[in-house]
Amino acid sequence: MNVKISMLVIAFAVVASVGLSPSLVMNQSTSAVSHWCESQGKSSSWVEGCKNGWADHDNCRSYDHELSGDMVKGYKVGWSKGSCH
C-alpha cells in the first residue's frame, strides 16, 4: 500500500514539474531584461524603450505607438525579445 502511495506522489510530482517547466523557462527576470537592454550600448531612452517593449510583450499588452526617436527603436527591439504567454 505504501509503495502505491509513494508511486502516486512521484507521478504527481513529475506531471507537475513537466507542466510548470515551460513557464519557468519562458519567464525572464526583470534584472535579466534590464541587463540585456543596457548591455546593447544605446542611449538611456533606447534602453528604457527596450525594457518597456519587452515587459509589454511579456504581459500581452498592446504595442504603444505614441513613442518616438530612440525610445521607439528600443521598444521595437524589446518587443521582439518578449513573448506573450
Protein backbone atom coordinates (compact mmCIF):
# COMPACT_ATOMS: atom_id res chain seq x y z
CA MET A 1 0.00 0.00 0.00
CA ASN A 2 2.81 2.46 0.91
CA VAL A 3 4.55 1.68 -2.38
CA LYS A 4 1.41 2.62 -4.34
CA ILE A 5 1.09 5.91 -2.48
CA SER A 6 4.78 6.67 -3.00
CA MET A 7 4.49 5.94 -6.73
CA LEU A 8 1.40 8.16 -6.95
CA VAL A 9 3.23 11.03 -5.22
CA ILE A 10 6.22 10.64 -7.56
CA ALA A 11 3.98 10.53 -10.62
CA PHE A 12 2.18 13.67 -9.47
CA ALA A 13 5.50 15.47 -8.89
CA VAL A 14 6.72 14.55 -12.38
CA VAL A 15 3.50 15.72 -14.04
CA ALA A 16 3.53 18.97 -12.07
CA SER A 17 7.17 19.71 -12.88
CA VAL A 18 6.68 19.00 -16.60
CA GLY A 19 3.62 21.23 -16.60
CA LEU A 20 5.40 24.12 -14.91
CA SER A 21 8.78 23.93 -16.61
CA PRO A 22 7.86 25.77 -19.85
CA SER A 23 6.53 28.77 -17.93
CA LEU A 24 9.64 28.84 -15.75
CA VAL A 25 11.91 28.75 -18.78
CA MET A 26 9.97 31.40 -20.70
CA ASN A 27 9.78 33.97 -17.88
CA GLN A 28 12.66 36.40 -17.97
CA SER A 29 13.53 38.10 -14.73
CA THR A 30 13.39 41.88 -14.66
CA SER A 31 17.11 42.09 -13.93
CA ALA A 32 17.92 39.88 -16.95
CA VAL A 33 15.83 42.10 -19.22
CA SER A 34 17.46 45.25 -17.79
CA HIS A 35 20.93 43.79 -18.18
CA TRP A 36 20.33 42.71 -21.78
CA CYS A 37 18.87 46.08 -22.81
CA GLU A 38 21.61 48.04 -21.02
CA SER A 39 24.38 45.87 -22.50
CA GLN A 40 23.46 47.00 -26.02
CA GLY A 41 25.33 50.28 -25.52
CA LYS A 42 22.47 52.50 -26.65
CA SER A 43 21.08 55.76 -25.25
CA SER A 44 19.11 55.82 -21.99
CA SER A 45 15.84 56.45 -23.86
CA TRP A 46 16.56 53.43 -26.12
CA VAL A 47 17.23 51.26 -23.05
CA GLU A 48 14.01 52.46 -21.40
CA GLY A 49 12.05 51.72 -24.58
CA CYS A 50 13.66 48.27 -24.78
CA LYS A 51 12.65 47.41 -21.21
CA ASN A 52 9.10 48.71 -21.74
CA GLY A 53 8.64 46.86 -25.03
CA TRP A 54 9.90 43.59 -23.55
CA ALA A 55 7.64 43.96 -20.48
CA ASP A 56 4.59 44.89 -22.58
CA HIS A 57 5.01 41.87 -24.85
CA ASP A 58 5.66 39.53 -21.90
CA ASN A 59 2.44 40.79 -20.28
CA CYS A 60 0.43 40.64 -23.54
CA ARG A 61 -0.16 44.38 -23.67
CA SER A 62 -0.64 46.17 -26.97
CA TYR A 63 2.15 48.00 -28.77
CA ASP A 64 2.48 51.66 -27.72
CA HIS A 65 2.57 53.78 -30.88
CA GLU A 66 2.98 57.10 -29.04
CA LEU A 67 6.75 56.69 -28.68
CA SER A 68 9.30 58.49 -30.84
CA GLY A 69 13.03 58.58 -31.58
CA ASP A 70 15.39 56.22 -29.80
CA MET A 71 12.67 55.10 -27.40
CA VAL A 72 10.53 53.60 -30.19
CA LYS A 73 13.60 51.90 -31.69
CA GLY A 74 14.39 50.32 -28.33
CA TYR A 75 10.75 49.45 -27.78
CA LYS A 76 10.63 47.51 -31.05
CA VAL A 77 13.76 45.54 -30.14
CA GLY A 78 12.43 44.80 -26.65
CA TRP A 79 9.06 43.80 -28.11
CA SER A 80 10.79 41.28 -30.38
CA LYS A 81 12.56 39.76 -27.35
CA GLY A 82 9.39 39.48 -25.25
CA SER A 83 6.88 36.67 -25.52
CA CYS A 84 3.18 36.89 -24.74
CA HIS A 85 2.07 33.90 -22.70
